[in-house]
Amino acid sequence: MRLRRAAVAAFGALTLVLTIPTSASAAIGEFNYTYVGLDGSPKLAVLLDPPSQECITLPEVADPNASSPAHSPRNRTTSTATVFADPDCEGDYFTLRPLTGRGSERLKVRSVVFS
């Protein structure tokens, strides 16, 4: 009888674990960067709570033939941000620490991925 109760309890626990929805992982906080707008003036863009483990090509600077890269990234998220010189997380890269990571105007960026 005890074996049957243990088996039923184990089956119930397994069923519960399999039915609980999982939430998508995200880097909590803001990731800021500066790009040159169509009028030639600097613009500040923000990614708020970006997804983790997913390459994000920055939309304002996605086309290397049409725009200059973004610069001066600031990682104010809870995750490490790896920024890339090219779209689709390709090319040279640099890692920014969580919460305090920052790059200068010389750091050119077109995409980013959060750990």
N, C-alpha and C. Protein backbone atom coordinates (compact mmCIF):
# COMPACT_ATOMS: atom_id res chain seq x y z
N MET A 1 0.81 -1.18 0.00
CA MET A 1 0.00 0.00 0.00
C MET A 1 0.87 1.27 0.00
N ARG A 2 1.97 1.26 0.78
CA ARG A 2 2.84 2.43 0.83
C ARG A 2 3.51 2.65 -0.52
N LEU A 3 3.89 1.59 -1.19
CA LEU A 3 4.52 1.71 -2.49
C LEU A 3 3.57 2.36 -3.49
N ARG A 4 2.31 2.00 -3.44
CA ARG A 4 1.31 2.57 -4.34
C ARG A 4 1.16 4.07 -4.08
N ARG A 5 1.10 4.48 -2.81
CA ARG A 5 0.96 5.90 -2.47
C ARG A 5 2.21 6.69 -2.93
N ALA A 6 3.37 6.09 -2.76
CA ALA A 6 4.61 6.75 -3.18
C ALA A 6 4.63 6.91 -4.70
N ALA A 7 4.16 5.90 -5.41
CA ALA A 7 4.13 5.97 -6.86
C ALA A 7 3.13 7.03 -7.33
N VAL A 8 1.98 7.09 -6.69
CA VAL A 8 0.97 8.10 -7.05
C VAL A 8 1.51 9.49 -6.75
N ALA A 9 2.16 9.66 -5.61
CA ALA A 9 2.72 10.97 -5.25
C ALA A 9 3.81 11.38 -6.24
N ALA A 10 4.67 10.46 -6.63
CA ALA A 10 5.72 10.76 -7.60
C ALA A 10 5.13 11.12 -8.95
N PHE A 11 4.12 10.40 -9.38
CA PHE A 11 3.46 10.69 -10.65
C PHE A 11 2.80 12.07 -10.61
N GLY A 12 2.17 12.40 -9.50
CA GLY A 12 1.54 13.71 -9.34
C GLY A 12 2.55 14.83 -9.39
N ALA A 13 3.68 14.64 -8.72
CA ALA A 13 4.73 15.66 -8.73
C ALA A 13 5.28 15.86 -10.13
N LEU A 14 5.51 14.77 -10.85
CA LEU A 14 6.02 14.85 -12.21
C LEU A 14 5.03 15.58 -13.11
N THR A 15 3.76 15.28 -12.97
CA THR A 15 2.72 15.95 -13.77
C THR A 15 2.70 17.44 -13.48
N LEU A 16 2.83 17.80 -12.22
CA LEU A 16 2.84 19.21 -11.84
C LEU A 16 4.03 19.95 -12.44
N VAL A 17 5.18 19.35 -12.39
CA VAL A 17 6.39 19.97 -12.94
C VAL A 17 6.26 20.16 -14.44
N LEU A 18 5.67 19.22 -15.13
CA LEU A 18 5.55 19.31 -16.58
C LEU A 18 4.50 20.31 -17.02
N THR A 19 3.55 20.65 -16.16
CA THR A 19 2.48 21.57 -16.57
C THR A 19 2.72 23.01 -16.17
N ILE A 20 3.72 23.28 -15.33
CA ILE A 20 4.01 24.66 -14.94
C ILE A 20 4.69 25.35 -16.11
N PRO A 21 4.12 26.47 -16.58
CA PRO A 21 4.75 27.17 -17.70
C PRO A 21 6.07 27.80 -17.27
N THR A 22 7.01 27.79 -18.20
CA THR A 22 8.29 28.42 -17.93
C THR A 22 8.30 29.80 -18.56
N SER A 23 8.88 30.76 -17.89
CA SER A 23 8.96 32.10 -18.44
C SER A 23 10.26 32.26 -19.22
N ALA A 24 10.23 33.16 -20.17
CA ALA A 24 11.42 33.43 -20.96
C ALA A 24 12.43 34.16 -20.09
N SER A 25 13.68 33.83 -20.29
CA SER A 25 14.74 34.46 -19.53
C SER A 25 15.03 35.84 -20.13
N ALA A 26 15.23 36.82 -19.26
CA ALA A 26 15.51 38.16 -19.75
C ALA A 26 16.56 38.81 -18.87
N ALA A 27 17.29 39.70 -19.48
CA ALA A 27 18.22 40.54 -18.73
C ALA A 27 17.38 41.70 -18.16
N ILE A 28 17.37 41.86 -16.87
CA ILE A 28 16.55 42.89 -16.24
C ILE A 28 17.32 44.21 -16.22
N GLY A 29 16.70 45.25 -16.73
CA GLY A 29 17.33 46.56 -16.74
C GLY A 29 17.38 47.16 -18.13
N GLU A 30 18.22 48.17 -18.29
CA GLU A 30 18.34 48.90 -19.56
C GLU A 30 19.71 48.71 -20.19
N PHE A 31 19.70 48.66 -21.50
CA PHE A 31 20.93 48.71 -22.30
C PHE A 31 20.79 49.93 -23.20
N ASN A 32 21.70 50.89 -23.06
CA ASN A 32 21.65 52.14 -23.83
C ASN A 32 22.77 52.19 -24.85
N TYR A 33 22.52 52.87 -25.95
CA TYR A 33 23.56 53.12 -26.94
C TYR A 33 23.21 54.39 -27.69
N THR A 34 24.21 54.98 -28.31
CA THR A 34 24.03 56.22 -29.07
C THR A 34 24.26 55.93 -30.55
N TYR A 35 23.42 56.51 -31.39
CA TYR A 35 23.57 56.38 -32.84
C TYR A 35 23.33 57.74 -33.48
N VAL A 36 23.70 57.88 -34.73
CA VAL A 36 23.51 59.13 -35.45
C VAL A 36 22.17 59.06 -36.18
N GLY A 37 21.30 60.02 -35.88
CA GLY A 37 19.97 60.06 -36.50
C GLY A 37 20.03 60.54 -37.94
N LEU A 38 18.89 60.49 -38.61
CA LEU A 38 18.82 60.91 -40.01
C LEU A 38 19.17 62.38 -40.18
N ASP A 39 18.95 63.18 -39.14
CA ASP A 39 19.28 64.60 -39.21
C ASP A 39 20.74 64.90 -38.84
N GLY A 40 21.51 63.83 -38.56
CA GLY A 40 22.92 63.98 -38.24
C GLY A 40 23.22 64.22 -36.77
N SER A 41 22.18 64.30 -35.95
CA SER A 41 22.41 64.53 -34.52
C SER A 41 22.43 63.20 -33.76
N PRO A 42 23.13 63.16 -32.63
CA PRO A 42 23.18 61.93 -31.84
C PRO A 42 21.83 61.63 -31.18
N LYS A 43 21.47 60.38 -31.20
CA LYS A 43 20.21 59.91 -30.61
C LYS A 43 20.53 58.80 -29.61
N LEU A 44 19.79 58.76 -28.52
CA LEU A 44 19.96 57.72 -27.51
C LEU A 44 18.86 56.69 -27.68
N ALA A 45 19.23 55.42 -27.72
CA ALA A 45 18.27 54.32 -27.83
C ALA A 45 18.40 53.43 -26.60
N VAL A 46 17.30 52.77 -26.24
CA VAL A 46 17.27 51.94 -25.04
C VAL A 46 16.62 50.60 -25.37
N LEU A 47 17.25 49.52 -24.92
CA LEU A 47 16.62 48.19 -24.92
C LEU A 47 16.24 47.94 -23.47
N LEU A 48 14.95 47.75 -23.20
CA LEU A 48 14.46 47.54 -21.84
C LEU A 48 14.18 46.06 -21.62
N ASP A 49 14.78 45.48 -20.60
CA ASP A 49 14.62 44.05 -20.27
C ASP A 49 14.77 43.16 -21.50
N PRO A 50 15.91 43.25 -22.19
CA PRO A 50 16.10 42.46 -23.42
C PRO A 50 16.17 40.96 -23.13
N PRO A 51 15.79 40.14 -24.10
CA PRO A 51 15.86 38.69 -23.91
C PRO A 51 17.31 38.21 -23.80
N SER A 52 17.51 37.14 -23.05
CA SER A 52 18.84 36.56 -22.91
C SER A 52 19.06 35.48 -23.96
N GLN A 53 20.34 35.24 -24.27
CA GLN A 53 20.76 34.18 -25.19
C GLN A 53 20.16 34.35 -26.59
N GLU A 54 19.87 35.58 -26.97
CA GLU A 54 19.27 35.85 -28.28
C GLU A 54 19.98 37.06 -28.89
N CYS A 55 20.51 36.90 -30.08
CA CYS A 55 21.21 38.00 -30.74
C CYS A 55 20.21 39.09 -31.12
N ILE A 56 20.55 40.32 -30.77
CA ILE A 56 19.71 41.47 -31.12
C ILE A 56 20.53 42.38 -32.02
N THR A 57 20.11 42.52 -33.26
CA THR A 57 20.73 43.48 -34.16
C THR A 57 20.05 44.82 -33.92
N LEU A 58 20.82 45.83 -33.63
CA LEU A 58 20.25 47.14 -33.30
C LEU A 58 19.60 47.72 -34.55
N PRO A 59 18.28 47.97 -34.50
CA PRO A 59 17.55 48.33 -35.73
C PRO A 59 18.02 49.62 -36.39
N GLU A 60 18.46 50.59 -35.62
CA GLU A 60 18.86 51.88 -36.19
C GLU A 60 20.15 51.79 -36.98
N VAL A 61 20.95 50.76 -36.75
CA VAL A 61 22.27 50.65 -37.41
C VAL A 61 22.46 49.28 -38.04
N ALA A 62 21.37 48.63 -38.39
CA ALA A 62 21.43 47.25 -38.91
C ALA A 62 22.11 47.16 -40.27
N ASP A 63 21.95 48.17 -41.11
CA ASP A 63 22.50 48.12 -42.46
C ASP A 63 23.86 48.83 -42.50
N PRO A 64 24.95 48.07 -42.64
CA PRO A 64 26.28 48.70 -42.66
C PRO A 64 26.49 49.65 -43.84
N ASN A 65 25.72 49.48 -44.91
CA ASN A 65 25.87 50.34 -46.09
C ASN A 65 25.10 51.65 -45.95
N ALA A 66 24.14 51.72 -45.03
CA ALA A 66 23.29 52.90 -44.92
C ALA A 66 23.55 53.76 -43.70
N SER A 67 24.22 53.22 -42.70
CA SER A 67 24.40 53.99 -41.47
C SER A 67 25.74 53.68 -40.81
N SER A 68 26.17 54.62 -40.00
CA SER A 68 27.37 54.36 -39.20
C SER A 68 26.95 53.55 -37.97
N PRO A 69 27.87 52.81 -37.38
CA PRO A 69 27.50 51.98 -36.22
C PRO A 69 27.14 52.83 -35.00
N ALA A 70 26.45 52.21 -34.07
CA ALA A 70 26.17 52.85 -32.79
C ALA A 70 27.47 52.88 -31.98
N HIS A 71 27.45 53.63 -30.89
CA HIS A 71 28.64 53.72 -30.04
C HIS A 71 28.22 54.02 -28.61
N SER A 72 29.17 54.08 -27.71
CA SER A 72 28.97 54.42 -26.30
C SER A 72 27.92 53.55 -25.61
N PRO A 73 28.03 52.22 -25.73
CA PRO A 73 27.03 51.37 -25.07
C PRO A 73 27.15 51.43 -23.55
N ARG A 74 26.02 51.31 -22.86
CA ARG A 74 25.97 51.28 -21.40
C ARG A 74 25.12 50.08 -21.00
N ASN A 75 25.71 49.15 -20.28
CA ASN A 75 24.98 47.96 -19.85
C ASN A 75 24.50 48.15 -18.42
N ARG A 76 23.24 48.46 -18.26
CA ARG A 76 22.64 48.61 -16.94
C ARG A 76 21.66 47.47 -16.69
N THR A 77 21.95 46.31 -17.27
CA THR A 77 21.13 45.12 -17.04
C THR A 77 21.82 44.22 -16.02
N THR A 78 21.11 43.19 -15.61
CA THR A 78 21.65 42.23 -14.64
C THR A 78 22.49 41.14 -15.31
N SER A 79 22.63 41.20 -16.62
CA SER A 79 23.38 40.18 -17.37
C SER A 79 24.60 40.79 -18.04
N THR A 80 25.56 39.94 -18.36
CA THR A 80 26.70 40.38 -19.15
C THR A 80 26.23 40.62 -20.58
N ALA A 81 26.66 41.72 -21.18
CA ALA A 81 26.31 42.04 -22.57
C ALA A 81 27.57 41.91 -23.42
N THR A 82 27.46 41.17 -24.50
CA THR A 82 28.56 41.09 -25.46
C THR A 82 28.11 41.84 -26.70
N VAL A 83 28.84 42.91 -27.03
CA VAL A 83 28.49 43.74 -28.18
C VAL A 83 29.39 43.37 -29.36
N PHE A 84 28.83 43.47 -30.55
CA PHE A 84 29.53 43.07 -31.77
C PHE A 84 29.59 44.23 -32.76
N ALA A 85 30.66 44.26 -33.54
CA ALA A 85 30.86 45.31 -34.54
C ALA A 85 29.95 45.16 -35.75
N ASP A 86 29.47 43.95 -35.99
CA ASP A 86 28.65 43.67 -37.17
C ASP A 86 27.26 43.20 -36.77
N PRO A 87 26.29 43.27 -37.70
CA PRO A 87 24.96 42.72 -37.42
C PRO A 87 25.03 41.21 -37.18
N ASP A 88 23.99 40.66 -36.61
CA ASP A 88 23.85 39.21 -36.38
C ASP A 88 24.94 38.65 -35.48
N CYS A 89 25.44 39.47 -34.56
CA CYS A 89 26.44 39.05 -33.57
C CYS A 89 27.66 38.43 -34.22
N GLU A 90 28.17 39.12 -35.21
CA GLU A 90 29.37 38.69 -35.91
C GLU A 90 30.42 39.78 -35.84
N GLY A 91 31.65 39.41 -36.15
CA GLY A 91 32.74 40.37 -36.16
C GLY A 91 33.39 40.52 -34.81
N ASP A 92 34.18 41.58 -34.67
CA ASP A 92 34.86 41.85 -33.40
C ASP A 92 33.82 42.05 -32.30
N TYR A 93 34.20 41.67 -31.08
CA TYR A 93 33.25 41.80 -29.97
C TYR A 93 33.95 42.29 -28.72
N PHE A 94 33.13 42.78 -27.79
CA PHE A 94 33.62 43.29 -26.52
C PHE A 94 32.56 42.97 -25.47
N THR A 95 33.00 42.60 -24.28
CA THR A 95 32.07 42.22 -23.21
C THR A 95 31.93 43.35 -22.20
N LEU A 96 30.67 43.63 -21.82
CA LEU A 96 30.36 44.65 -20.84
C LEU A 96 29.78 44.00 -19.58
N ARG A 97 30.34 44.33 -18.43
CA ARG A 97 29.88 43.77 -17.15
C ARG A 97 28.43 44.14 -16.87
N PRO A 98 27.75 43.31 -16.06
CA PRO A 98 26.39 43.67 -15.65
C PRO A 98 26.40 44.96 -14.81
N LEU A 99 25.35 45.74 -14.95
CA LEU A 99 25.05 46.94 -14.17
C LEU A 99 25.99 48.12 -14.39
N THR A 100 27.29 47.90 -14.57
CA THR A 100 28.22 49.03 -14.67
C THR A 100 29.04 49.05 -15.96
N GLY A 101 28.84 48.08 -16.85
CA GLY A 101 29.65 48.01 -18.06
C GLY A 101 29.35 49.16 -19.01
N ARG A 102 30.41 49.72 -19.56
CA ARG A 102 30.24 50.82 -20.50
C ARG A 102 31.37 50.85 -21.50
N GLY A 103 31.08 51.38 -22.65
CA GLY A 103 32.09 51.54 -23.68
C GLY A 103 32.16 52.99 -24.11
N SER A 104 33.27 53.37 -24.67
CA SER A 104 33.47 54.76 -25.10
C SER A 104 32.86 54.98 -26.48
N GLU A 105 33.02 56.19 -26.95
CA GLU A 105 32.54 56.54 -28.29
C GLU A 105 33.31 55.78 -29.36
N ARG A 106 34.49 55.29 -29.03
CA ARG A 106 35.30 54.53 -29.99
C ARG A 106 34.81 53.10 -30.17
N LEU A 107 33.98 52.59 -29.24
CA LEU A 107 33.47 51.22 -29.36
C LEU A 107 32.27 51.22 -30.30
N LYS A 108 32.44 50.66 -31.49
CA LYS A 108 31.39 50.65 -32.51
C LYS A 108 30.57 49.37 -32.39
N VAL A 109 29.25 49.51 -32.45
CA VAL A 109 28.34 48.41 -32.13
C VAL A 109 27.20 48.34 -33.16
N ARG A 110 26.88 47.11 -33.59
CA ARG A 110 25.71 46.88 -34.44
C ARG A 110 24.79 45.79 -33.91
N SER A 111 25.28 44.97 -32.95
CA SER A 111 24.44 43.92 -32.38
C SER A 111 24.93 43.58 -30.98
N VAL A 112 24.08 42.89 -30.23
CA VAL A 112 24.40 42.55 -28.83
C VAL A 112 23.68 41.27 -28.44
N VAL A 113 24.30 40.54 -27.53
CA VAL A 113 23.67 39.35 -26.94
C VAL A 113 23.92 39.40 -25.43
N PHE A 114 22.90 39.01 -24.66
CA PHE A 114 22.98 39.03 -23.20
C PHE A 114 23.07 37.60 -22.69
N SER A 115 23.91 37.39 -21.67
CA SER A 115 24.09 36.04 -21.12
C SER A 115 23.00 35.75 -20.08
